[in-house]
Amino acid sequence: MTYHSFTFFYGLTSFLVPTFLVFLMNRQKSNMAVEGGAKCIKYMLFFFNFIFWLCGLALIVVGVLAKLSINTMAFLKGYSGSPLVLIVVGVIIFFIAFFGCCGAWKENQCMITMFAVILSLIVITEIGAAIAGYVFRGNLTDLLNKGFDDMITGYNVTEKRETLDNIQEQFKCCGKNSSSDWKSSKFFDSNSVPDSCCKNVTKGCGKGALQETSKINTDGCQPILDKFLKQNFLWIAVAALVIAFVQITGIVLACILMRAIRSGYEVM
């Protein structure tokens, strides 16, 4: 081998070897970055599943409270299915958090896929319930007007009387628009109101008390209850948006982790 040939091969080797070593180092760093990112996603998904568990518990509590409130108001019982939707969705979320936690911890693609699919179906169900709730909110005032008219004219019916008395005592109100609504009632004389209208409820306290504003509540129940229910719908909507954001974040994390597992990267 001539001196020039030796010099050429020496120079080529001196160039290629360091270049190849740099390439290997960069590739190893790239793989470590992917593995580190996937590992971070794994623990983030595990953490978010704990949040899902809390969201499911919150939906169950809200659904039970809404169900109890509706059961005390006879004219709202036609809408008793809405709280049941919240309770069912809450129970489902409560249990699918198990699939998410186990799937993330064991890096099981099947469990993570099941978690993402079920959670997507729940988000769709919640969107449908939110639309139904928005439509119901628009009809709430008319529903309350009809409900109070029916309860006042049918005050002799035990269920209606108990419902109206509960509302008047709880919300410190009397009648539909004011205590004067009882003036034309056939169940009382023109100067009397139900005992539940009294500020301090005792037997017979409403007899002859229509004009005694210091003794009875004079504000109507319909505006008070309308405001109360709409405020609660607003808070439920805000809570639903927060929960939906958490759920969608969980779906995205699950999809990223599935892709990392499918790509064959080992997540320790």
C-alpha atoms as a PDB file:
ATOM      1  CA  MET A   1       0.000   0.000   0.000  1.00  0.00           C
ATOM      2  CA  THR A   2       1.442   3.351  -1.014  1.00  0.00           C
ATOM      3  CA  TYR A   3       1.864   6.232   1.318  1.00  0.00           C
ATOM      4  CA  HIS A   4      -0.888   8.218  -0.434  1.00  0.00           C
ATOM      5  CA  SER A   5      -3.358   5.288  -0.198  1.00  0.00           C
ATOM      6  CA  PHE A   6      -2.641   4.865   3.481  1.00  0.00           C
ATOM      7  CA  THR A   7      -3.145   8.564   4.041  1.00  0.00           C
ATOM      8  CA  PHE A   8      -6.472   8.461   2.172  1.00  0.00           C
ATOM      9  CA  PHE A   9      -7.878   5.524   4.163  1.00  0.00           C
ATOM     10  CA  TYR A  10      -6.639   6.962   7.425  1.00  0.00           C
ATOM     11  CA  GLY A  11      -8.363  10.278   6.694  1.00  0.00           C
ATOM     12  CA  LEU A  12     -11.589   8.573   5.601  1.00  0.00           C
ATOM     13  CA  THR A  13     -11.624   6.405   8.736  1.00  0.00           C
ATOM     14  CA  SER A  14     -10.890   9.400  10.919  1.00  0.00           C
ATOM     15  CA  PHE A  15     -13.938  11.133   9.428  1.00  0.00           C
ATOM     16  CA  LEU A  16     -16.426   8.235   9.315  1.00  0.00           C
ATOM     17  CA  VAL A  17     -15.819   6.720  12.773  1.00  0.00           C
ATOM     18  CA  PRO A  18     -16.511   9.906  14.768  1.00  0.00           C
ATOM     19  CA  THR A  19     -19.465  10.660  12.506  1.00  0.00           C
ATOM     20  CA  PHE A  20     -20.914   7.178  13.090  1.00  0.00           C
ATOM     21  CA  LEU A  21     -20.373   7.464  16.841  1.00  0.00           C
ATOM     22  CA  VAL A  22     -22.134  10.838  16.903  1.00  0.00           C
ATOM     23  CA  PHE A  23     -25.021   9.309  14.923  1.00  0.00           C
ATOM     24  CA  LEU A  24     -25.352   6.427  17.428  1.00  0.00           C
ATOM     25  CA  MET A  25     -25.265   8.815  20.377  1.00  0.00           C
ATOM     26  CA  ASN A  26     -27.936  11.053  18.857  1.00  0.00           C
ATOM     27  CA  ARG A  27     -30.149   8.046  18.109  1.00  0.00           C
ATOM     28  CA  GLN A  28     -29.764   6.758  21.658  1.00  0.00           C
ATOM     29  CA  LYS A  29     -30.677  10.188  23.017  1.00  0.00           C
ATOM     30  CA  SER A  30     -33.697  10.259  20.693  1.00  0.00           C
ATOM     31  CA  ASN A  31     -34.884   6.858  21.944  1.00  0.00           C
ATOM     32  CA  MET A  32     -34.337   7.901  25.553  1.00  0.00           C
ATOM     33  CA  ALA A  33     -36.384  11.068  24.912  1.00  0.00           C
ATOM     34  CA  VAL A  34     -39.236   9.039  23.450  1.00  0.00           C
ATOM     35  CA  GLU A  35     -39.101   6.553  26.309  1.00  0.00           C
ATOM     36  CA  GLY A  36     -38.937   9.355  28.850  1.00  0.00           C
ATOM     37  CA  GLY A  37     -41.883  11.124  27.239  1.00  0.00           C
ATOM     38  CA  ALA A  38     -43.932   7.922  27.129  1.00  0.00           C
ATOM     39  CA  LYS A  39     -43.017   7.221  30.735  1.00  0.00           C
ATOM     40  CA  CYS A  40     -44.233  10.700  31.667  1.00  0.00           C
ATOM     41  CA  ILE A  41     -47.492  10.076  29.766  1.00  0.00           C
ATOM     42  CA  LYS A  42     -47.884   6.785  31.635  1.00  0.00           C
ATOM     43  CA  TYR A  43     -47.775   8.457  35.032  1.00  0.00           C
ATOM     44  CA  MET A  44     -49.881  11.392  33.867  1.00  0.00           C
ATOM     45  CA  LEU A  45     -52.575   8.958  32.688  1.00  0.00           C
ATOM     46  CA  PHE A  46     -52.401   7.182  36.045  1.00  0.00           C
ATOM     47  CA  PHE A  47     -52.843  10.526  37.835  1.00  0.00           C
ATOM     48  CA  PHE A  48     -55.720  11.588  35.581  1.00  0.00           C
ATOM     49  CA  ASN A  49     -57.514   8.349  36.315  1.00  0.00           C
ATOM     50  CA  PHE A  50     -57.525   9.329  39.959  1.00  0.00           C
ATOM     51  CA  ILE A  51     -59.160  12.599  38.859  1.00  0.00           C
ATOM     52  CA  PHE A  52     -61.687  10.541  36.835  1.00  0.00           C
ATOM     53  CA  TRP A  53     -62.480   8.582  39.968  1.00  0.00           C
ATOM     54  CA  LEU A  54     -63.203  11.836  41.828  1.00  0.00           C
ATOM     55  CA  CYS A  55     -65.297  13.097  38.870  1.00  0.00           C
ATOM     56  CA  GLY A  56     -67.360   9.902  38.930  1.00  0.00           C
ATOM     57  CA  LEU A  57     -67.906  10.261  42.664  1.00  0.00           C
ATOM     58  CA  ALA A  58     -68.923  13.914  42.180  1.00  0.00           C
ATOM     59  CA  LEU A  59     -71.457  12.990  39.473  1.00  0.00           C
ATOM     60  CA  ILE A  60     -72.992  10.335  41.717  1.00  0.00           C
ATOM     61  CA  VAL A  61     -73.372  12.842  44.577  1.00  0.00           C
ATOM     62  CA  VAL A  62     -74.838  15.554  42.295  1.00  0.00           C
ATOM     63  CA  GLY A  63     -77.230  13.043  40.714  1.00  0.00           C
ATOM     64  CA  VAL A  64     -78.469  11.804  44.095  1.00  0.00           C
ATOM     65  CA  LEU A  65     -78.990  15.355  45.386  1.00  0.00           C
ATOM     66  CA  ALA A  66     -80.840  16.347  42.185  1.00  0.00           C
ATOM     67  CA  LYS A  67     -82.990  13.210  42.411  1.00  0.00           C
ATOM     68  CA  LEU A  68     -83.952  14.001  46.014  1.00  0.00           C
ATOM     69  CA  SER A  69     -84.780  17.619  45.107  1.00  0.00           C
ATOM     70  CA  ILE A  70     -86.977  16.585  42.175  1.00  0.00           C
ATOM     71  CA  ASN A  71     -88.799  14.018  44.299  1.00  0.00           C
ATOM     72  CA  THR A  72     -89.920  16.816  46.651  1.00  0.00           C
ATOM     73  CA  MET A  73     -91.469  18.741  43.738  1.00  0.00           C
ATOM     74  CA  ALA A  74     -94.334  16.844  42.126  1.00  0.00           C
ATOM     75  CA  PHE A  75     -94.410  18.962  38.953  1.00  0.00           C
ATOM     76  CA  LEU A  76     -90.738  18.176  38.212  1.00  0.00           C
ATOM     77  CA  LYS A  77     -91.057  14.410  38.496  1.00  0.00           C
ATOM     78  CA  GLY A  78     -91.401  14.087  34.743  1.00  0.00           C
ATOM     79  CA  TYR A  79     -87.746  15.067  34.565  1.00  0.00           C
ATOM     80  CA  SER A  80     -86.522  12.583  37.158  1.00  0.00           C
ATOM     81  CA  GLY A  81     -84.636  10.692  34.434  1.00  0.00           C
ATOM     82  CA  SER A  82     -81.967  13.419  34.134  1.00  0.00           C
ATOM     83  CA  PRO A  83     -80.451  12.793  37.601  1.00  0.00           C
ATOM     84  CA  LEU A  84     -80.469   9.057  36.854  1.00  0.00           C
ATOM     85  CA  VAL A  85     -78.307   9.737  33.790  1.00  0.00           C
ATOM     86  CA  LEU A  86     -75.805  11.575  36.019  1.00  0.00           C
ATOM     87  CA  ILE A  87     -75.780   8.720  38.543  1.00  0.00           C
ATOM     88  CA  VAL A  88     -75.290   6.027  35.878  1.00  0.00           C
ATOM     89  CA  VAL A  89     -72.513   7.988  34.147  1.00  0.00           C
ATOM     90  CA  GLY A  90     -70.854   8.605  37.527  1.00  0.00           C
ATOM     91  CA  VAL A  91     -70.895   4.893  38.382  1.00  0.00           C
ATOM     92  CA  ILE A  92     -69.456   4.005  34.957  1.00  0.00           C
ATOM     93  CA  ILE A  93     -66.657   6.578  35.311  1.00  0.00           C
ATOM     94  CA  PHE A  94     -66.005   5.304  38.820  1.00  0.00           C
ATOM     95  CA  PHE A  95     -65.333   1.802  37.476  1.00  0.00           C
ATOM     96  CA  ILE A  96     -63.585   2.539  34.170  1.00  0.00           C
ATOM     97  CA  ALA A  97     -60.941   4.454  36.118  1.00  0.00           C
ATOM     98  CA  PHE A  98     -59.827   0.941  37.095  1.00  0.00           C
ATOM     99  CA  PHE A  99     -59.180   0.061  33.437  1.00  0.00           C
ATOM    100  CA  GLY A 100     -57.236   3.274  32.925  1.00  0.00           C
ATOM    101  CA  CYS A 101     -55.075   2.788  36.033  1.00  0.00           C
ATOM    102  CA  CYS A 102     -54.318  -0.877  35.367  1.00  0.00           C
ATOM    103  CA  GLY A 103     -53.798  -0.327  31.658  1.00  0.00           C
ATOM    104  CA  ALA A 104     -51.365   2.546  32.242  1.00  0.00           C
ATOM    105  CA  TRP A 105     -49.458   0.749  34.994  1.00  0.00           C
ATOM    106  CA  LYS A 106     -49.155  -2.580  33.143  1.00  0.00           C
ATOM    107  CA  GLU A 107     -48.812  -0.924  29.708  1.00  0.00           C
ATOM    108  CA  ASN A 108     -51.685  -3.071  28.456  1.00  0.00           C
ATOM    109  CA  GLN A 109     -52.793  -1.746  25.086  1.00  0.00           C
ATOM    110  CA  CYS A 110     -56.137  -3.603  25.191  1.00  0.00           C
ATOM    111  CA  MET A 111     -57.147  -2.095  28.538  1.00  0.00           C
ATOM    112  CA  ILE A 112     -56.026   1.392  27.521  1.00  0.00           C
ATOM    113  CA  THR A 113     -58.003   1.087  24.264  1.00  0.00           C
ATOM    114  CA  MET A 114     -61.100  -0.029  26.163  1.00  0.00           C
ATOM    115  CA  PHE A 115     -60.640   2.870  28.565  1.00  0.00           C
ATOM    116  CA  ALA A 116     -60.399   5.421  25.726  1.00  0.00           C
ATOM    117  CA  VAL A 117     -63.413   4.009  23.836  1.00  0.00           C
ATOM    118  CA  ILE A 118     -65.703   3.875  26.889  1.00  0.00           C
ATOM    119  CA  LEU A 119     -64.632   7.339  27.985  1.00  0.00           C
ATOM    120  CA  SER A 120     -65.381   8.697  24.498  1.00  0.00           C
ATOM    121  CA  LEU A 121     -68.888   7.209  24.661  1.00  0.00           C
ATOM    122  CA  ILE A 122     -69.404   8.820  28.070  1.00  0.00           C
ATOM    123  CA  VAL A 123     -68.363  12.236  26.739  1.00  0.00           C
ATOM    124  CA  ILE A 124     -70.908  11.865  23.920  1.00  0.00           C
ATOM    125  CA  THR A 125     -73.605  10.903  26.468  1.00  0.00           C
ATOM    126  CA  GLU A 126     -72.744  13.918  28.624  1.00  0.00           C
ATOM    127  CA  ILE A 127     -73.018  16.221  25.613  1.00  0.00           C
ATOM    128  CA  GLY A 128     -76.511  14.842  24.933  1.00  0.00           C
ATOM    129  CA  ALA A 129     -77.499  15.332  28.584  1.00  0.00           C
ATOM    130  CA  ALA A 130     -76.147  18.899  28.485  1.00  0.00           C
ATOM    131  CA  ILE A 131     -78.250  19.693  25.408  1.00  0.00           C
ATOM    132  CA  ALA A 132     -81.342  18.221  27.088  1.00  0.00           C
ATOM    133  CA  GLY A 133     -80.614  20.263  30.210  1.00  0.00           C
ATOM    134  CA  TYR A 134     -80.261  23.454  28.172  1.00  0.00           C
ATOM    135  CA  VAL A 135     -83.607  22.820  26.459  1.00  0.00           C
ATOM    136  CA  PHE A 136     -85.233  22.085  29.823  1.00  0.00           C
ATOM    137  CA  ARG A 137     -83.772  25.303  31.266  1.00  0.00           C
ATOM    138  CA  GLY A 138     -85.513  27.304  28.538  1.00  0.00           C
ATOM    139  CA  ASN A 139     -88.887  25.788  29.475  1.00  0.00           C
ATOM    140  CA  LEU A 140     -88.364  26.099  33.215  1.00  0.00           C
ATOM    141  CA  THR A 141     -90.333  29.321  33.770  1.00  0.00           C
ATOM    142  CA  ASP A 142     -93.423  28.024  31.949  1.00  0.00           C
ATOM    143  CA  LEU A 143     -93.178  24.733  33.810  1.00  0.00           C
ATOM    144  CA  LEU A 144     -93.021  26.511  37.177  1.00  0.00           C
ATOM    145  CA  ASN A 145     -96.001  28.746  36.311  1.00  0.00           C
ATOM    146  CA  LYS A 146     -98.152  25.755  35.404  1.00  0.00           C
ATOM    147  CA  GLY A 147     -96.910  23.799  38.397  1.00  0.00           C
ATOM    148  CA  PHE A 148     -97.786  26.490  40.939  1.00  0.00           C
ATOM    149  CA  ASP A 149    -101.194  27.125  39.361  1.00  0.00           C
ATOM    150  CA  ASP A 150    -101.925  23.413  39.591  1.00  0.00           C
ATOM    151  CA  MET A 151    -100.757  23.122  43.212  1.00  0.00           C
ATOM    152  CA  ILE A 152    -102.718  26.171  44.402  1.00  0.00           C
ATOM    153  CA  THR A 153    -105.969  25.117  42.702  1.00  0.00           C
ATOM    154  CA  GLY A 154    -105.456  21.497  43.807  1.00  0.00           C
ATOM    155  CA  TYR A 155    -104.311  22.242  47.354  1.00  0.00           C
ATOM    156  CA  ASN A 156    -106.794  19.710  48.742  1.00  0.00           C
ATOM    157  CA  VAL A 157    -104.806  16.878  47.124  1.00  0.00           C
ATOM    158  CA  THR A 158    -102.353  15.531  49.706  1.00  0.00           C
ATOM    159  CA  GLU A 159     -99.334  15.226  47.388  1.00  0.00           C
ATOM    160  CA  LYS A 160     -99.752  18.724  45.953  1.00  0.00           C
ATOM    161  CA  ARG A 161    -100.366  20.248  49.396  1.00  0.00           C
ATOM    162  CA  GLU A 162     -97.258  18.628  50.868  1.00  0.00           C
ATOM    163  CA  THR A 163     -95.112  19.710  47.926  1.00  0.00           C
ATOM    164  CA  LEU A 164     -96.296  23.329  48.074  1.00  0.00           C
ATOM    165  CA  ASP A 165     -95.975  23.485  51.863  1.00  0.00           C
ATOM    166  CA  ASN A 166     -92.409  22.186  51.630  1.00  0.00           C
ATOM    167  CA  ILE A 167     -91.519  24.818  49.025  1.00  0.00           C
ATOM    168  CA  GLN A 168     -93.109  27.665  51.002  1.00  0.00           C
ATOM    169  CA  GLU A 169     -91.328  26.663  54.198  1.00  0.00           C
ATOM    170  CA  GLN A 170     -87.947  25.981  52.595  1.00  0.00           C
ATOM    171  CA  PHE A 171     -87.775  29.116  50.441  1.00  0.00           C
ATOM    172  CA  LYS A 172     -89.605  31.441  52.880  1.00  0.00           C
ATOM    173  CA  CYS A 173     -92.238  32.382  50.312  1.00  0.00           C
ATOM    174  CA  CYS A 174     -96.014  32.348  49.927  1.00  0.00           C
ATOM    175  CA  GLY A 175     -98.178  31.731  46.854  1.00  0.00           C
ATOM    176  CA  LYS A 176     -97.099  31.845  43.246  1.00  0.00           C
ATOM    177  CA  ASN A 177     -96.302  35.552  42.735  1.00  0.00           C
ATOM    178  CA  SER A 178     -97.172  36.829  46.240  1.00  0.00           C
ATOM    179  CA  SER A 179     -99.182  35.929  49.324  1.00  0.00           C
ATOM    180  CA  SER A 180    -102.195  37.643  47.669  1.00  0.00           C
ATOM    181  CA  ASP A 181    -102.594  34.600  45.412  1.00  0.00           C
ATOM    182  CA  TRP A 182    -104.337  32.846  48.305  1.00  0.00           C
ATOM    183  CA  LYS A 183    -107.002  35.548  48.531  1.00  0.00           C
ATOM    184  CA  SER A 184    -109.073  33.883  45.783  1.00  0.00           C
ATOM    185  CA  SER A 185    -108.447  30.331  46.977  1.00  0.00           C
ATOM    186  CA  LYS A 186    -111.555  28.266  47.726  1.00  0.00           C
ATOM    187  CA  PHE A 187    -109.718  26.432  50.522  1.00  0.00           C
ATOM    188  CA  PHE A 188    -109.255  29.520  52.731  1.00  0.00           C
ATOM    189  CA  ASP A 189    -111.248  32.612  53.531  1.00  0.00           C
ATOM    190  CA  SER A 190    -110.170  35.820  51.817  1.00  0.00           C
ATOM    191  CA  ASN A 191    -107.959  36.822  54.747  1.00  0.00           C
ATOM    192  CA  SER A 192    -106.123  33.526  55.405  1.00  0.00           C
ATOM    193  CA  VAL A 193    -103.119  31.658  54.015  1.00  0.00           C
ATOM    194  CA  PRO A 194    -101.630  28.175  54.580  1.00  0.00           C
ATOM    195  CA  ASP A 195     -99.688  27.771  57.811  1.00  0.00           C
ATOM    196  CA  SER A 196     -96.547  27.123  55.719  1.00  0.00           C
ATOM    197  CA  CYS A 197     -96.578  30.822  54.741  1.00  0.00           C
ATOM    198  CA  CYS A 198     -95.868  31.880  58.327  1.00  0.00           C
ATOM    199  CA  LYS A 199     -92.387  33.017  59.330  1.00  0.00           C
ATOM    200  CA  ASN A 200     -92.736  30.855  62.434  1.00  0.00           C
ATOM    201  CA  VAL A 201     -94.841  27.876  61.371  1.00  0.00           C
ATOM    202  CA  THR A 202     -97.337  26.727  63.978  1.00  0.00           C
ATOM    203  CA  LYS A 203    -100.742  25.100  63.677  1.00  0.00           C
ATOM    204  CA  GLY A 204    -103.370  27.684  62.657  1.00  0.00           C
ATOM    205  CA  CYS A 205    -100.850  30.540  62.331  1.00  0.00           C
ATOM    206  CA  GLY A 206    -102.059  31.397  58.809  1.00  0.00           C
ATOM    207  CA  LYS A 207    -105.690  31.958  59.771  1.00  0.00           C
ATOM    208  CA  GLY A 208    -106.626  35.621  59.254  1.00  0.00           C
ATOM    209  CA  ALA A 209    -102.963  36.531  58.681  1.00  0.00           C
ATOM    210  CA  LEU A 210    -103.024  37.623  55.029  1.00  0.00           C
ATOM    211  CA  GLN A 211    -102.616  41.309  55.864  1.00  0.00           C
ATOM    212  CA  GLU A 212    -100.122  40.752  58.687  1.00  0.00           C
ATOM    213  CA  THR A 213     -96.855  41.176  56.758  1.00  0.00           C
ATOM    214  CA  SER A 214     -94.786  40.857  59.926  1.00  0.00           C
ATOM    215  CA  LYS A 215     -96.217  37.399  60.539  1.00  0.00           C
ATOM    216  CA  ILE A 216     -96.119  35.802  57.078  1.00  0.00           C
ATOM    217  CA  ASN A 217     -93.778  35.718  54.074  1.00  0.00           C
ATOM    218  CA  THR A 218     -95.159  37.868  51.267  1.00  0.00           C
ATOM    219  CA  ASP A 219     -92.737  37.105  48.411  1.00  0.00           C
ATOM    220  CA  GLY A 220     -93.985  34.719  45.711  1.00  0.00           C
ATOM    221  CA  CYS A 221     -92.387  31.281  45.339  1.00  0.00           C
ATOM    222  CA  GLN A 222     -92.237  31.138  41.547  1.00  0.00           C
ATOM    223  CA  PRO A 223     -89.567  33.878  41.018  1.00  0.00           C
ATOM    224  CA  ILE A 224     -87.488  32.601  43.950  1.00  0.00           C
ATOM    225  CA  LEU A 225     -87.566  28.985  42.795  1.00  0.00           C
ATOM    226  CA  ASP A 226     -86.947  29.983  39.168  1.00  0.00           C
ATOM    227  CA  LYS A 227     -83.784  31.874  40.171  1.00  0.00           C
ATOM    228  CA  PHE A 228     -82.636  29.065  42.466  1.00  0.00           C
ATOM    229  CA  LEU A 229     -83.010  26.339  39.814  1.00  0.00           C
ATOM    230  CA  LYS A 230     -81.339  28.384  37.061  1.00  0.00           C
ATOM    231  CA  GLN A 231     -78.359  29.119  39.313  1.00  0.00           C
ATOM    232  CA  ASN A 232     -78.040  25.407  40.036  1.00  0.00           C
ATOM    233  CA  PHE A 233     -78.224  24.595  36.325  1.00  0.00           C
ATOM    234  CA  LEU A 234     -75.380  27.068  35.764  1.00  0.00           C
ATOM    235  CA  TRP A 235     -73.162  25.429  38.384  1.00  0.00           C
ATOM    236  CA  ILE A 236     -73.949  21.979  37.016  1.00  0.00           C
ATOM    237  CA  ALA A 237     -73.014  23.192  33.511  1.00  0.00           C
ATOM    238  CA  VAL A 238     -69.689  24.579  34.783  1.00  0.00           C
ATOM    239  CA  ALA A 239     -68.962  21.314  36.609  1.00  0.00           C
ATOM    240  CA  ALA A 240     -69.841  19.331  33.461  1.00  0.00           C
ATOM    241  CA  LEU A 241     -67.426  21.431  31.366  1.00  0.00           C
ATOM    242  CA  VAL A 242     -64.594  20.871  33.854  1.00  0.00           C
ATOM    243  CA  ILE A 243     -65.261  17.129  33.960  1.00  0.00           C
ATOM    244  CA  ALA A 244     -65.485  16.949  30.143  1.00  0.00           C
ATOM    245  CA  PHE A 245     -62.126  18.760  29.839  1.00  0.00           C
ATOM    246  CA  VAL A 246     -60.503  16.260  32.216  1.00  0.00           C
ATOM    247  CA  GLN A 247     -62.060  13.344  30.316  1.00  0.00           C
ATOM    248  CA  ILE A 248     -60.919  14.599  26.909  1.00  0.00           C
ATOM    249  CA  THR A 249     -57.415  15.124  28.305  1.00  0.00           C
ATOM    250  CA  GLY A 250     -57.473  11.517  29.525  1.00  0.00           C
ATOM    251  CA  ILE A 251     -58.545  10.283  26.073  1.00  0.00           C
ATOM    252  CA  VAL A 252     -55.661  12.176  24.438  1.00  0.00           C
ATOM    253  CA  LEU A 253     -53.140  10.801  26.941  1.00  0.00           C
ATOM    254  CA  ALA A 254     -54.469   7.263  26.414  1.00  0.00           C
ATOM    255  CA  CYS A 255     -54.108   7.594  22.637  1.00  0.00           C
ATOM    256  CA  ILE A 256     -50.516   8.874  22.969  1.00  0.00           C
ATOM    257  CA  LEU A 257     -49.587   6.016  25.298  1.00  0.00           C
ATOM    258  CA  MET A 258     -51.226   3.460  22.951  1.00  0.00           C
ATOM    259  CA  ARG A 259     -49.169   4.820  20.082  1.00  0.00           C
ATOM    260  CA  ALA A 260     -45.959   4.604  22.134  1.00  0.00           C
ATOM    261  CA  ILE A 261     -46.699   0.995  23.138  1.00  0.00           C
ATOM    262  CA  ARG A 262     -47.626   0.081  19.564  1.00  0.00           C
ATOM    263  CA  SER A 263     -44.362   1.577  18.307  1.00  0.00           C
ATOM    264  CA  GLY A 264     -42.497  -0.948  20.431  1.00  0.00           C
ATOM    265  CA  TYR A 265     -40.883   1.406  22.926  1.00  0.00           C
ATOM    266  CA  GLU A 266     -40.424  -0.071  26.356  1.00  0.00           C
ATOM    267  CA  VAL A 267     -41.863   2.124  29.083  1.00  0.00           C
ATOM    268  CA  MET A 268     -40.300   1.247  32.396  1.00  0.00           C
END
